[in-house]
Structure formats: structure tokens, C-alpha cells
């Protein structure tokens, strides 16, 4: 799902609010 982060609302702001943890499948 991380590959789609750029389509989420305000992606640049998102990256200032948290670190993102990718759970591998």
C-alpha cells in the first residue's frame, strides 16, 4: 500500500507527521 502514498491527501504533510512502517507480505 505504500506505493500509493503519493495519491493520499497532502502526502508531503503526511511525511512530517509520522514515519511510515511497511509490513512486508
PDBML (XML) file of the C-alpha atoms, coordinates in Angstrom:
<?xml version="1.0" encoding="UTF-8" ?>
<PDBx:datablock datablockName="MODEL"
   xmlns:PDBx="http://pdbml.pdb.org/schema/pdbx-v50.xsd"
   xmlns:xsi="http://www.w3.org/2001/XMLSchema-instance"
   xsi:schemaLocation="http://pdbml.pdb.org/schema/pdbx-v50.xsd pdbx-v50.xsd">
   <PDBx:atom_siteCategory>
      <PDBx:atom_site id="1">
         <PDBx:B_iso_or_equiv>0.00</PDBx:B_iso_or_equiv>
         <PDBx:Cartn_x>0.000</PDBx:Cartn_x>
         <PDBx:Cartn_y>0.000</PDBx:Cartn_y>
         <PDBx:Cartn_z>0.000</PDBx:Cartn_z>
         <PDBx:auth_asym_id>A</PDBx:auth_asym_id>
         <PDBx:auth_atom_id>CA</PDBx:auth_atom_id>
         <PDBx:auth_comp_id>UNK</PDBx:auth_comp_id>
         <PDBx:auth_seq_id>1</PDBx:auth_seq_id>
         <PDBx:group_PDB>ATOM</PDBx:group_PDB>
         <PDBx:label_alt_id xsi:nil="true" />
         <PDBx:label_asym_id>A</PDBx:label_asym_id>
         <PDBx:label_atom_id>CA</PDBx:label_atom_id>
         <PDBx:label_comp_id>UNK</PDBx:label_comp_id>
         <PDBx:label_entity_id>1</PDBx:label_entity_id>
         <PDBx:label_seq_id>1</PDBx:label_seq_id>
         <PDBx:occupancy>1.00</PDBx:occupancy>
         <PDBx:pdbx_PDB_model_num>1</PDBx:pdbx_PDB_model_num>
         <PDBx:type_symbol>C</PDBx:type_symbol>
      </PDBx:atom_site>
      <PDBx:atom_site id="2">
         <PDBx:B_iso_or_equiv>0.00</PDBx:B_iso_or_equiv>
         <PDBx:Cartn_x>2.976</PDBx:Cartn_x>
         <PDBx:Cartn_y>2.329</PDBx:Cartn_y>
         <PDBx:Cartn_z>0.489</PDBx:Cartn_z>
         <PDBx:auth_asym_id>A</PDBx:auth_asym_id>
         <PDBx:auth_atom_id>CA</PDBx:auth_atom_id>
         <PDBx:auth_comp_id>UNK</PDBx:auth_comp_id>
         <PDBx:auth_seq_id>2</PDBx:auth_seq_id>
         <PDBx:group_PDB>ATOM</PDBx:group_PDB>
         <PDBx:label_alt_id xsi:nil="true" />
         <PDBx:label_asym_id>A</PDBx:label_asym_id>
         <PDBx:label_atom_id>CA</PDBx:label_atom_id>
         <PDBx:label_comp_id>UNK</PDBx:label_comp_id>
         <PDBx:label_entity_id>1</PDBx:label_entity_id>
         <PDBx:label_seq_id>2</PDBx:label_seq_id>
         <PDBx:occupancy>1.00</PDBx:occupancy>
         <PDBx:pdbx_PDB_model_num>1</PDBx:pdbx_PDB_model_num>
         <PDBx:type_symbol>C</PDBx:type_symbol>
      </PDBx:atom_site>
      <PDBx:atom_site id="3">
         <PDBx:B_iso_or_equiv>0.00</PDBx:B_iso_or_equiv>
         <PDBx:Cartn_x>3.347</PDBx:Cartn_x>
         <PDBx:Cartn_y>2.599</PDBx:Cartn_y>
         <PDBx:Cartn_z>-3.274</PDBx:Cartn_z>
         <PDBx:auth_asym_id>A</PDBx:auth_asym_id>
         <PDBx:auth_atom_id>CA</PDBx:auth_atom_id>
         <PDBx:auth_comp_id>UNK</PDBx:auth_comp_id>
         <PDBx:auth_seq_id>3</PDBx:auth_seq_id>
         <PDBx:group_PDB>ATOM</PDBx:group_PDB>
         <PDBx:label_alt_id xsi:nil="true" />
         <PDBx:label_asym_id>A</PDBx:label_asym_id>
         <PDBx:label_atom_id>CA</PDBx:label_atom_id>
         <PDBx:label_comp_id>UNK</PDBx:label_comp_id>
         <PDBx:label_entity_id>1</PDBx:label_entity_id>
         <PDBx:label_seq_id>3</PDBx:label_seq_id>
         <PDBx:occupancy>1.00</PDBx:occupancy>
         <PDBx:pdbx_PDB_model_num>1</PDBx:pdbx_PDB_model_num>
         <PDBx:type_symbol>C</PDBx:type_symbol>
      </PDBx:atom_site>
      <PDBx:atom_site id="4">
         <PDBx:B_iso_or_equiv>0.00</PDBx:B_iso_or_equiv>
         <PDBx:Cartn_x>0.107</PDBx:Cartn_x>
         <PDBx:Cartn_y>4.588</PDBx:Cartn_y>
         <PDBx:Cartn_z>-3.358</PDBx:Cartn_z>
         <PDBx:auth_asym_id>A</PDBx:auth_asym_id>
         <PDBx:auth_atom_id>CA</PDBx:auth_atom_id>
         <PDBx:auth_comp_id>UNK</PDBx:auth_comp_id>
         <PDBx:auth_seq_id>4</PDBx:auth_seq_id>
         <PDBx:group_PDB>ATOM</PDBx:group_PDB>
         <PDBx:label_alt_id xsi:nil="true" />
         <PDBx:label_asym_id>A</PDBx:label_asym_id>
         <PDBx:label_atom_id>CA</PDBx:label_atom_id>
         <PDBx:label_comp_id>UNK</PDBx:label_comp_id>
         <PDBx:label_entity_id>1</PDBx:label_entity_id>
         <PDBx:label_seq_id>4</PDBx:label_seq_id>
         <PDBx:occupancy>1.00</PDBx:occupancy>
         <PDBx:pdbx_PDB_model_num>1</PDBx:pdbx_PDB_model_num>
         <PDBx:type_symbol>C</PDBx:type_symbol>
      </PDBx:atom_site>
      <PDBx:atom_site id="5">
         <PDBx:B_iso_or_equiv>0.00</PDBx:B_iso_or_equiv>
         <PDBx:Cartn_x>1.044</PDBx:Cartn_x>
         <PDBx:Cartn_y>7.125</PDBx:Cartn_y>
         <PDBx:Cartn_z>-0.691</PDBx:Cartn_z>
         <PDBx:auth_asym_id>A</PDBx:auth_asym_id>
         <PDBx:auth_atom_id>CA</PDBx:auth_atom_id>
         <PDBx:auth_comp_id>UNK</PDBx:auth_comp_id>
         <PDBx:auth_seq_id>5</PDBx:auth_seq_id>
         <PDBx:group_PDB>ATOM</PDBx:group_PDB>
         <PDBx:label_alt_id xsi:nil="true" />
         <PDBx:label_asym_id>A</PDBx:label_asym_id>
         <PDBx:label_atom_id>CA</PDBx:label_atom_id>
         <PDBx:label_comp_id>UNK</PDBx:label_comp_id>
         <PDBx:label_entity_id>1</PDBx:label_entity_id>
         <PDBx:label_seq_id>5</PDBx:label_seq_id>
         <PDBx:occupancy>1.00</PDBx:occupancy>
         <PDBx:pdbx_PDB_model_num>1</PDBx:pdbx_PDB_model_num>
         <PDBx:type_symbol>C</PDBx:type_symbol>
      </PDBx:atom_site>
      <PDBx:atom_site id="6">
         <PDBx:B_iso_or_equiv>0.00</PDBx:B_iso_or_equiv>
         <PDBx:Cartn_x>1.526</PDBx:Cartn_x>
         <PDBx:Cartn_y>9.828</PDBx:Cartn_y>
         <PDBx:Cartn_z>-3.312</PDBx:Cartn_z>
         <PDBx:auth_asym_id>A</PDBx:auth_asym_id>
         <PDBx:auth_atom_id>CA</PDBx:auth_atom_id>
         <PDBx:auth_comp_id>UNK</PDBx:auth_comp_id>
         <PDBx:auth_seq_id>6</PDBx:auth_seq_id>
         <PDBx:group_PDB>ATOM</PDBx:group_PDB>
         <PDBx:label_alt_id xsi:nil="true" />
         <PDBx:label_asym_id>A</PDBx:label_asym_id>
         <PDBx:label_atom_id>CA</PDBx:label_atom_id>
         <PDBx:label_comp_id>UNK</PDBx:label_comp_id>
         <PDBx:label_entity_id>1</PDBx:label_entity_id>
         <PDBx:label_seq_id>6</PDBx:label_seq_id>
         <PDBx:occupancy>1.00</PDBx:occupancy>
         <PDBx:pdbx_PDB_model_num>1</PDBx:pdbx_PDB_model_num>
         <PDBx:type_symbol>C</PDBx:type_symbol>
      </PDBx:atom_site>
      <PDBx:atom_site id="7">
         <PDBx:B_iso_or_equiv>0.00</PDBx:B_iso_or_equiv>
         <PDBx:Cartn_x>-2.205</PDBx:Cartn_x>
         <PDBx:Cartn_y>9.682</PDBx:Cartn_y>
         <PDBx:Cartn_z>-4.109</PDBx:Cartn_z>
         <PDBx:auth_asym_id>A</PDBx:auth_asym_id>
         <PDBx:auth_atom_id>CA</PDBx:auth_atom_id>
         <PDBx:auth_comp_id>UNK</PDBx:auth_comp_id>
         <PDBx:auth_seq_id>7</PDBx:auth_seq_id>
         <PDBx:group_PDB>ATOM</PDBx:group_PDB>
         <PDBx:label_alt_id xsi:nil="true" />
         <PDBx:label_asym_id>A</PDBx:label_asym_id>
         <PDBx:label_atom_id>CA</PDBx:label_atom_id>
         <PDBx:label_comp_id>UNK</PDBx:label_comp_id>
         <PDBx:label_entity_id>1</PDBx:label_entity_id>
         <PDBx:label_seq_id>7</PDBx:label_seq_id>
         <PDBx:occupancy>1.00</PDBx:occupancy>
         <PDBx:pdbx_PDB_model_num>1</PDBx:pdbx_PDB_model_num>
         <PDBx:type_symbol>C</PDBx:type_symbol>
      </PDBx:atom_site>
      <PDBx:atom_site id="8">
         <PDBx:B_iso_or_equiv>0.00</PDBx:B_iso_or_equiv>
         <PDBx:Cartn_x>-3.263</PDBx:Cartn_x>
         <PDBx:Cartn_y>10.312</PDBx:Cartn_y>
         <PDBx:Cartn_z>-0.488</PDBx:Cartn_z>
         <PDBx:auth_asym_id>A</PDBx:auth_asym_id>
         <PDBx:auth_atom_id>CA</PDBx:auth_atom_id>
         <PDBx:auth_comp_id>UNK</PDBx:auth_comp_id>
         <PDBx:auth_seq_id>8</PDBx:auth_seq_id>
         <PDBx:group_PDB>ATOM</PDBx:group_PDB>
         <PDBx:label_alt_id xsi:nil="true" />
         <PDBx:label_asym_id>A</PDBx:label_asym_id>
         <PDBx:label_atom_id>CA</PDBx:label_atom_id>
         <PDBx:label_comp_id>UNK</PDBx:label_comp_id>
         <PDBx:label_entity_id>1</PDBx:label_entity_id>
         <PDBx:label_seq_id>8</PDBx:label_seq_id>
         <PDBx:occupancy>1.00</PDBx:occupancy>
         <PDBx:pdbx_PDB_model_num>1</PDBx:pdbx_PDB_model_num>
         <PDBx:type_symbol>C</PDBx:type_symbol>
      </PDBx:atom_site>
      <PDBx:atom_site id="9">
         <PDBx:B_iso_or_equiv>0.00</PDBx:B_iso_or_equiv>
         <PDBx:Cartn_x>-4.399</PDBx:Cartn_x>
         <PDBx:Cartn_y>13.737</PDBx:Cartn_y>
         <PDBx:Cartn_z>0.680</PDBx:Cartn_z>
         <PDBx:auth_asym_id>A</PDBx:auth_asym_id>
         <PDBx:auth_atom_id>CA</PDBx:auth_atom_id>
         <PDBx:auth_comp_id>UNK</PDBx:auth_comp_id>
         <PDBx:auth_seq_id>9</PDBx:auth_seq_id>
         <PDBx:group_PDB>ATOM</PDBx:group_PDB>
         <PDBx:label_alt_id xsi:nil="true" />
         <PDBx:label_asym_id>A</PDBx:label_asym_id>
         <PDBx:label_atom_id>CA</PDBx:label_atom_id>
         <PDBx:label_comp_id>UNK</PDBx:label_comp_id>
         <PDBx:label_entity_id>1</PDBx:label_entity_id>
         <PDBx:label_seq_id>9</PDBx:label_seq_id>
         <PDBx:occupancy>1.00</PDBx:occupancy>
         <PDBx:pdbx_PDB_model_num>1</PDBx:pdbx_PDB_model_num>
         <PDBx:type_symbol>C</PDBx:type_symbol>
      </PDBx:atom_site>
      <PDBx:atom_site id="10">
         <PDBx:B_iso_or_equiv>0.00</PDBx:B_iso_or_equiv>
         <PDBx:Cartn_x>-1.465</PDBx:Cartn_x>
         <PDBx:Cartn_y>16.098</PDBx:Cartn_y>
         <PDBx:Cartn_z>1.432</PDBx:Cartn_z>
         <PDBx:auth_asym_id>A</PDBx:auth_asym_id>
         <PDBx:auth_atom_id>CA</PDBx:auth_atom_id>
         <PDBx:auth_comp_id>UNK</PDBx:auth_comp_id>
         <PDBx:auth_seq_id>10</PDBx:auth_seq_id>
         <PDBx:group_PDB>ATOM</PDBx:group_PDB>
         <PDBx:label_alt_id xsi:nil="true" />
         <PDBx:label_asym_id>A</PDBx:label_asym_id>
         <PDBx:label_atom_id>CA</PDBx:label_atom_id>
         <PDBx:label_comp_id>UNK</PDBx:label_comp_id>
         <PDBx:label_entity_id>1</PDBx:label_entity_id>
         <PDBx:label_seq_id>10</PDBx:label_seq_id>
         <PDBx:occupancy>1.00</PDBx:occupancy>
         <PDBx:pdbx_PDB_model_num>1</PDBx:pdbx_PDB_model_num>
         <PDBx:type_symbol>C</PDBx:type_symbol>
      </PDBx:atom_site>
      <PDBx:atom_site id="11">
         <PDBx:B_iso_or_equiv>0.00</PDBx:B_iso_or_equiv>
         <PDBx:Cartn_x>1.279</PDBx:Cartn_x>
         <PDBx:Cartn_y>13.463</PDBx:Cartn_y>
         <PDBx:Cartn_z>1.056</PDBx:Cartn_z>
         <PDBx:auth_asym_id>A</PDBx:auth_asym_id>
         <PDBx:auth_atom_id>CA</PDBx:auth_atom_id>
         <PDBx:auth_comp_id>UNK</PDBx:auth_comp_id>
         <PDBx:auth_seq_id>11</PDBx:auth_seq_id>
         <PDBx:group_PDB>ATOM</PDBx:group_PDB>
         <PDBx:label_alt_id xsi:nil="true" />
         <PDBx:label_asym_id>A</PDBx:label_asym_id>
         <PDBx:label_atom_id>CA</PDBx:label_atom_id>
         <PDBx:label_comp_id>UNK</PDBx:label_comp_id>
         <PDBx:label_entity_id>1</PDBx:label_entity_id>
         <PDBx:label_seq_id>11</PDBx:label_seq_id>
         <PDBx:occupancy>1.00</PDBx:occupancy>
         <PDBx:pdbx_PDB_model_num>1</PDBx:pdbx_PDB_model_num>
         <PDBx:type_symbol>C</PDBx:type_symbol>
      </PDBx:atom_site>
      <PDBx:atom_site id="12">
         <PDBx:B_iso_or_equiv>0.00</PDBx:B_iso_or_equiv>
         <PDBx:Cartn_x>4.099</PDBx:Cartn_x>
         <PDBx:Cartn_y>15.899</PDBx:Cartn_y>
         <PDBx:Cartn_z>1.877</PDBx:Cartn_z>
         <PDBx:auth_asym_id>A</PDBx:auth_asym_id>
         <PDBx:auth_atom_id>CA</PDBx:auth_atom_id>
         <PDBx:auth_comp_id>UNK</PDBx:auth_comp_id>
         <PDBx:auth_seq_id>12</PDBx:auth_seq_id>
         <PDBx:group_PDB>ATOM</PDBx:group_PDB>
         <PDBx:label_alt_id xsi:nil="true" />
         <PDBx:label_asym_id>A</PDBx:label_asym_id>
         <PDBx:label_atom_id>CA</PDBx:label_atom_id>
         <PDBx:label_comp_id>UNK</PDBx:label_comp_id>
         <PDBx:label_entity_id>1</PDBx:label_entity_id>
         <PDBx:label_seq_id>12</PDBx:label_seq_id>
         <PDBx:occupancy>1.00</PDBx:occupancy>
         <PDBx:pdbx_PDB_model_num>1</PDBx:pdbx_PDB_model_num>
         <PDBx:type_symbol>C</PDBx:type_symbol>
      </PDBx:atom_site>
      <PDBx:atom_site id="13">
         <PDBx:B_iso_or_equiv>0.00</PDBx:B_iso_or_equiv>
         <PDBx:Cartn_x>2.428</PDBx:Cartn_x>
         <PDBx:Cartn_y>16.938</PDBx:Cartn_y>
         <PDBx:Cartn_z>5.116</PDBx:Cartn_z>
         <PDBx:auth_asym_id>A</PDBx:auth_asym_id>
         <PDBx:auth_atom_id>CA</PDBx:auth_atom_id>
         <PDBx:auth_comp_id>UNK</PDBx:auth_comp_id>
         <PDBx:auth_seq_id>13</PDBx:auth_seq_id>
         <PDBx:group_PDB>ATOM</PDBx:group_PDB>
         <PDBx:label_alt_id xsi:nil="true" />
         <PDBx:label_asym_id>A</PDBx:label_asym_id>
         <PDBx:label_atom_id>CA</PDBx:label_atom_id>
         <PDBx:label_comp_id>UNK</PDBx:label_comp_id>
         <PDBx:label_entity_id>1</PDBx:label_entity_id>
         <PDBx:label_seq_id>13</PDBx:label_seq_id>
         <PDBx:occupancy>1.00</PDBx:occupancy>
         <PDBx:pdbx_PDB_model_num>1</PDBx:pdbx_PDB_model_num>
         <PDBx:type_symbol>C</PDBx:type_symbol>
      </PDBx:atom_site>
      <PDBx:atom_site id="14">
         <PDBx:B_iso_or_equiv>0.00</PDBx:B_iso_or_equiv>
         <PDBx:Cartn_x>1.857</PDBx:Cartn_x>
         <PDBx:Cartn_y>13.279</PDBx:Cartn_y>
         <PDBx:Cartn_z>5.970</PDBx:Cartn_z>
         <PDBx:auth_asym_id>A</PDBx:auth_asym_id>
         <PDBx:auth_atom_id>CA</PDBx:auth_atom_id>
         <PDBx:auth_comp_id>UNK</PDBx:auth_comp_id>
         <PDBx:auth_seq_id>14</PDBx:auth_seq_id>
         <PDBx:group_PDB>ATOM</PDBx:group_PDB>
         <PDBx:label_alt_id xsi:nil="true" />
         <PDBx:label_asym_id>A</PDBx:label_asym_id>
         <PDBx:label_atom_id>CA</PDBx:label_atom_id>
         <PDBx:label_comp_id>UNK</PDBx:label_comp_id>
         <PDBx:label_entity_id>1</PDBx:label_entity_id>
         <PDBx:label_seq_id>14</PDBx:label_seq_id>
         <PDBx:occupancy>1.00</PDBx:occupancy>
         <PDBx:pdbx_PDB_model_num>1</PDBx:pdbx_PDB_model_num>
         <PDBx:type_symbol>C</PDBx:type_symbol>
      </PDBx:atom_site>
      <PDBx:atom_site id="15">
         <PDBx:B_iso_or_equiv>0.00</PDBx:B_iso_or_equiv>
         <PDBx:Cartn_x>5.605</PDBx:Cartn_x>
         <PDBx:Cartn_y>12.658</PDBx:Cartn_y>
         <PDBx:Cartn_z>5.915</PDBx:Cartn_z>
         <PDBx:auth_asym_id>A</PDBx:auth_asym_id>
         <PDBx:auth_atom_id>CA</PDBx:auth_atom_id>
         <PDBx:auth_comp_id>UNK</PDBx:auth_comp_id>
         <PDBx:auth_seq_id>15</PDBx:auth_seq_id>
         <PDBx:group_PDB>ATOM</PDBx:group_PDB>
         <PDBx:label_alt_id xsi:nil="true" />
         <PDBx:label_asym_id>A</PDBx:label_asym_id>
         <PDBx:label_atom_id>CA</PDBx:label_atom_id>
         <PDBx:label_comp_id>UNK</PDBx:label_comp_id>
         <PDBx:label_entity_id>1</PDBx:label_entity_id>
         <PDBx:label_seq_id>15</PDBx:label_seq_id>
         <PDBx:occupancy>1.00</PDBx:occupancy>
         <PDBx:pdbx_PDB_model_num>1</PDBx:pdbx_PDB_model_num>
         <PDBx:type_symbol>C</PDBx:type_symbol>
      </PDBx:atom_site>
      <PDBx:atom_site id="16">
         <PDBx:B_iso_or_equiv>0.00</PDBx:B_iso_or_equiv>
         <PDBx:Cartn_x>6.122</PDBx:Cartn_x>
         <PDBx:Cartn_y>15.370</PDBx:Cartn_y>
         <PDBx:Cartn_z>8.538</PDBx:Cartn_z>
         <PDBx:auth_asym_id>A</PDBx:auth_asym_id>
         <PDBx:auth_atom_id>CA</PDBx:auth_atom_id>
         <PDBx:auth_comp_id>UNK</PDBx:auth_comp_id>
         <PDBx:auth_seq_id>16</PDBx:auth_seq_id>
         <PDBx:group_PDB>ATOM</PDBx:group_PDB>
         <PDBx:label_alt_id xsi:nil="true" />
         <PDBx:label_asym_id>A</PDBx:label_asym_id>
         <PDBx:label_atom_id>CA</PDBx:label_atom_id>
         <PDBx:label_comp_id>UNK</PDBx:label_comp_id>
         <PDBx:label_entity_id>1</PDBx:label_entity_id>
         <PDBx:label_seq_id>16</PDBx:label_seq_id>
         <PDBx:occupancy>1.00</PDBx:occupancy>
         <PDBx:pdbx_PDB_model_num>1</PDBx:pdbx_PDB_model_num>
         <PDBx:type_symbol>C</PDBx:type_symbol>
      </PDBx:atom_site>
      <PDBx:atom_site id="17">
         <PDBx:B_iso_or_equiv>0.00</PDBx:B_iso_or_equiv>
         <PDBx:Cartn_x>3.575</PDBx:Cartn_x>
         <PDBx:Cartn_y>13.845</PDBx:Cartn_y>
         <PDBx:Cartn_z>10.925</PDBx:Cartn_z>
         <PDBx:auth_asym_id>A</PDBx:auth_asym_id>
         <PDBx:auth_atom_id>CA</PDBx:auth_atom_id>
         <PDBx:auth_comp_id>UNK</PDBx:auth_comp_id>
         <PDBx:auth_seq_id>17</PDBx:auth_seq_id>
         <PDBx:group_PDB>ATOM</PDBx:group_PDB>
         <PDBx:label_alt_id xsi:nil="true" />
         <PDBx:label_asym_id>A</PDBx:label_asym_id>
         <PDBx:label_atom_id>CA</PDBx:label_atom_id>
         <PDBx:label_comp_id>UNK</PDBx:label_comp_id>
         <PDBx:label_entity_id>1</PDBx:label_entity_id>
         <PDBx:label_seq_id>17</PDBx:label_seq_id>
         <PDBx:occupancy>1.00</PDBx:occupancy>
         <PDBx:pdbx_PDB_model_num>1</PDBx:pdbx_PDB_model_num>
         <PDBx:type_symbol>C</PDBx:type_symbol>
      </PDBx:atom_site>
      <PDBx:atom_site id="18">
         <PDBx:B_iso_or_equiv>0.00</PDBx:B_iso_or_equiv>
         <PDBx:Cartn_x>4.852</PDBx:Cartn_x>
         <PDBx:Cartn_y>10.262</PDBx:Cartn_y>
         <PDBx:Cartn_z>11.176</PDBx:Cartn_z>
         <PDBx:auth_asym_id>A</PDBx:auth_asym_id>
         <PDBx:auth_atom_id>CA</PDBx:auth_atom_id>
         <PDBx:auth_comp_id>UNK</PDBx:auth_comp_id>
         <PDBx:auth_seq_id>18</PDBx:auth_seq_id>
         <PDBx:group_PDB>ATOM</PDBx:group_PDB>
         <PDBx:label_alt_id xsi:nil="true" />
         <PDBx:label_asym_id>A</PDBx:label_asym_id>
         <PDBx:label_atom_id>CA</PDBx:label_atom_id>
         <PDBx:label_comp_id>UNK</PDBx:label_comp_id>
         <PDBx:label_entity_id>1</PDBx:label_entity_id>
         <PDBx:label_seq_id>18</PDBx:label_seq_id>
         <PDBx:occupancy>1.00</PDBx:occupancy>
         <PDBx:pdbx_PDB_model_num>1</PDBx:pdbx_PDB_model_num>
         <PDBx:type_symbol>C</PDBx:type_symbol>
      </PDBx:atom_site>
      <PDBx:atom_site id="19">
         <PDBx:B_iso_or_equiv>0.00</PDBx:B_iso_or_equiv>
         <PDBx:Cartn_x>7.330</PDBx:Cartn_x>
         <PDBx:Cartn_y>7.720</PDBx:Cartn_y>
         <PDBx:Cartn_z>9.947</PDBx:Cartn_z>
         <PDBx:auth_asym_id>A</PDBx:auth_asym_id>
         <PDBx:auth_atom_id>CA</PDBx:auth_atom_id>
         <PDBx:auth_comp_id>UNK</PDBx:auth_comp_id>
         <PDBx:auth_seq_id>19</PDBx:auth_seq_id>
         <PDBx:group_PDB>ATOM</PDBx:group_PDB>
         <PDBx:label_alt_id xsi:nil="true" />
         <PDBx:label_asym_id>A</PDBx:label_asym_id>
         <PDBx:label_atom_id>CA</PDBx:label_atom_id>
         <PDBx:label_comp_id>UNK</PDBx:label_comp_id>
         <PDBx:label_entity_id>1</PDBx:label_entity_id>
         <PDBx:label_seq_id>19</PDBx:label_seq_id>
         <PDBx:occupancy>1.00</PDBx:occupancy>
         <PDBx:pdbx_PDB_model_num>1</PDBx:pdbx_PDB_model_num>
         <PDBx:type_symbol>C</PDBx:type_symbol>
      </PDBx:atom_site>
      <PDBx:atom_site id="20">
         <PDBx:B_iso_or_equiv>0.00</PDBx:B_iso_or_equiv>
         <PDBx:Cartn_x>5.739</PDBx:Cartn_x>
         <PDBx:Cartn_y>5.014</PDBx:Cartn_y>
         <PDBx:Cartn_z>7.806</PDBx:Cartn_z>
         <PDBx:auth_asym_id>A</PDBx:auth_asym_id>
         <PDBx:auth_atom_id>CA</PDBx:auth_atom_id>
         <PDBx:auth_comp_id>UNK</PDBx:auth_comp_id>
         <PDBx:auth_seq_id>20</PDBx:auth_seq_id>
         <PDBx:group_PDB>ATOM</PDBx:group_PDB>
         <PDBx:label_alt_id xsi:nil="true" />
         <PDBx:label_asym_id>A</PDBx:label_asym_id>
         <PDBx:label_atom_id>CA</PDBx:label_atom_id>
         <PDBx:label_comp_id>UNK</PDBx:label_comp_id>
         <PDBx:label_entity_id>1</PDBx:label_entity_id>
         <PDBx:label_seq_id>20</PDBx:label_seq_id>
         <PDBx:occupancy>1.00</PDBx:occupancy>
         <PDBx:pdbx_PDB_model_num>1</PDBx:pdbx_PDB_model_num>
         <PDBx:type_symbol>C</PDBx:type_symbol>
      </PDBx:atom_site>
      <PDBx:atom_site id="21">
         <PDBx:B_iso_or_equiv>0.00</PDBx:B_iso_or_equiv>
         <PDBx:Cartn_x>6.243</PDBx:Cartn_x>
         <PDBx:Cartn_y>1.338</PDBx:Cartn_y>
         <PDBx:Cartn_z>8.593</PDBx:Cartn_z>
         <PDBx:auth_asym_id>A</PDBx:auth_asym_id>
         <PDBx:auth_atom_id>CA</PDBx:auth_atom_id>
         <PDBx:auth_comp_id>UNK</PDBx:auth_comp_id>
         <PDBx:auth_seq_id>21</PDBx:auth_seq_id>
         <PDBx:group_PDB>ATOM</PDBx:group_PDB>
         <PDBx:label_alt_id xsi:nil="true" />
         <PDBx:label_asym_id>A</PDBx:label_asym_id>
         <PDBx:label_atom_id>CA</PDBx:label_atom_id>
         <PDBx:label_comp_id>UNK</PDBx:label_comp_id>
         <PDBx:label_entity_id>1</PDBx:label_entity_id>
         <PDBx:label_seq_id>21</PDBx:label_seq_id>
         <PDBx:occupancy>1.00</PDBx:occupancy>
         <PDBx:pdbx_PDB_model_num>1</PDBx:pdbx_PDB_model_num>
         <PDBx:type_symbol>C</PDBx:type_symbol>
      </PDBx:atom_site>
      <PDBx:atom_site id="22">
         <PDBx:B_iso_or_equiv>0.00</PDBx:B_iso_or_equiv>
         <PDBx:Cartn_x>5.802</PDBx:Cartn_x>
         <PDBx:Cartn_y>-1.079</PDBx:Cartn_y>
         <PDBx:Cartn_z>5.713</PDBx:Cartn_z>
         <PDBx:auth_asym_id>A</PDBx:auth_asym_id>
         <PDBx:auth_atom_id>CA</PDBx:auth_atom_id>
         <PDBx:auth_comp_id>UNK</PDBx:auth_comp_id>
         <PDBx:auth_seq_id>22</PDBx:auth_seq_id>
         <PDBx:group_PDB>ATOM</PDBx:group_PDB>
         <PDBx:label_alt_id xsi:nil="true" />
         <PDBx:label_asym_id>A</PDBx:label_asym_id>
         <PDBx:label_atom_id>CA</PDBx:label_atom_id>
         <PDBx:label_comp_id>UNK</PDBx:label_comp_id>
         <PDBx:label_entity_id>1</PDBx:label_entity_id>
         <PDBx:label_seq_id>22</PDBx:label_seq_id>
         <PDBx:occupancy>1.00</PDBx:occupancy>
         <PDBx:pdbx_PDB_model_num>1</PDBx:pdbx_PDB_model_num>
         <PDBx:type_symbol>C</PDBx:type_symbol>
      </PDBx:atom_site>
      <PDBx:atom_site id="23">
         <PDBx:B_iso_or_equiv>0.00</PDBx:B_iso_or_equiv>
         <PDBx:Cartn_x>4.748</PDBx:Cartn_x>
         <PDBx:Cartn_y>-4.568</PDBx:Cartn_y>
         <PDBx:Cartn_z>6.808</PDBx:Cartn_z>
         <PDBx:auth_asym_id>A</PDBx:auth_asym_id>
         <PDBx:auth_atom_id>CA</PDBx:auth_atom_id>
         <PDBx:auth_comp_id>UNK</PDBx:auth_comp_id>
         <PDBx:auth_seq_id>23</PDBx:auth_seq_id>
         <PDBx:group_PDB>ATOM</PDBx:group_PDB>
         <PDBx:label_alt_id xsi:nil="true" />
         <PDBx:label_asym_id>A</PDBx:label_asym_id>
         <PDBx:label_atom_id>CA</PDBx:label_atom_id>
         <PDBx:label_comp_id>UNK</PDBx:label_comp_id>
         <PDBx:label_entity_id>1</PDBx:label_entity_id>
         <PDBx:label_seq_id>23</PDBx:label_seq_id>
         <PDBx:occupancy>1.00</PDBx:occupancy>
         <PDBx:pdbx_PDB_model_num>1</PDBx:pdbx_PDB_model_num>
         <PDBx:type_symbol>C</PDBx:type_symbol>
      </PDBx:atom_site>
      <PDBx:atom_site id="24">
         <PDBx:B_iso_or_equiv>0.00</PDBx:B_iso_or_equiv>
         <PDBx:Cartn_x>6.016</PDBx:Cartn_x>
         <PDBx:Cartn_y>-6.959</PDBx:Cartn_y>
         <PDBx:Cartn_z>4.159</PDBx:Cartn_z>
         <PDBx:auth_asym_id>A</PDBx:auth_asym_id>
         <PDBx:auth_atom_id>CA</PDBx:auth_atom_id>
         <PDBx:auth_comp_id>UNK</PDBx:auth_comp_id>
         <PDBx:auth_seq_id>24</PDBx:auth_seq_id>
         <PDBx:group_PDB>ATOM</PDBx:group_PDB>
         <PDBx:label_alt_id xsi:nil="true" />
         <PDBx:label_asym_id>A</PDBx:label_asym_id>
         <PDBx:label_atom_id>CA</PDBx:label_atom_id>
         <PDBx:label_comp_id>UNK</PDBx:label_comp_id>
         <PDBx:label_entity_id>1</PDBx:label_entity_id>
         <PDBx:label_seq_id>24</PDBx:label_seq_id>
         <PDBx:occupancy>1.00</PDBx:occupancy>
         <PDBx:pdbx_PDB_model_num>1</PDBx:pdbx_PDB_model_num>
         <PDBx:type_symbol>C</PDBx:type_symbol>
      </PDBx:atom_site>
      <PDBx:atom_site id="25">
         <PDBx:B_iso_or_equiv>0.00</PDBx:B_iso_or_equiv>
         <PDBx:Cartn_x>3.745</PDBx:Cartn_x>
         <PDBx:Cartn_y>-9.616</PDBx:Cartn_y>
         <PDBx:Cartn_z>2.731</PDBx:Cartn_z>
         <PDBx:auth_asym_id>A</PDBx:auth_asym_id>
         <PDBx:auth_atom_id>CA</PDBx:auth_atom_id>
         <PDBx:auth_comp_id>UNK</PDBx:auth_comp_id>
         <PDBx:auth_seq_id>25</PDBx:auth_seq_id>
         <PDBx:group_PDB>ATOM</PDBx:group_PDB>
         <PDBx:label_alt_id xsi:nil="true" />
         <PDBx:label_asym_id>A</PDBx:label_asym_id>
         <PDBx:label_atom_id>CA</PDBx:label_atom_id>
         <PDBx:label_comp_id>UNK</PDBx:label_comp_id>
         <PDBx:label_entity_id>1</PDBx:label_entity_id>
         <PDBx:label_seq_id>25</PDBx:label_seq_id>
         <PDBx:occupancy>1.00</PDBx:occupancy>
         <PDBx:pdbx_PDB_model_num>1</PDBx:pdbx_PDB_model_num>
         <PDBx:type_symbol>C</PDBx:type_symbol>
      </PDBx:atom_site>
   </PDBx:atom_siteCategory>
</PDBx:datablock>
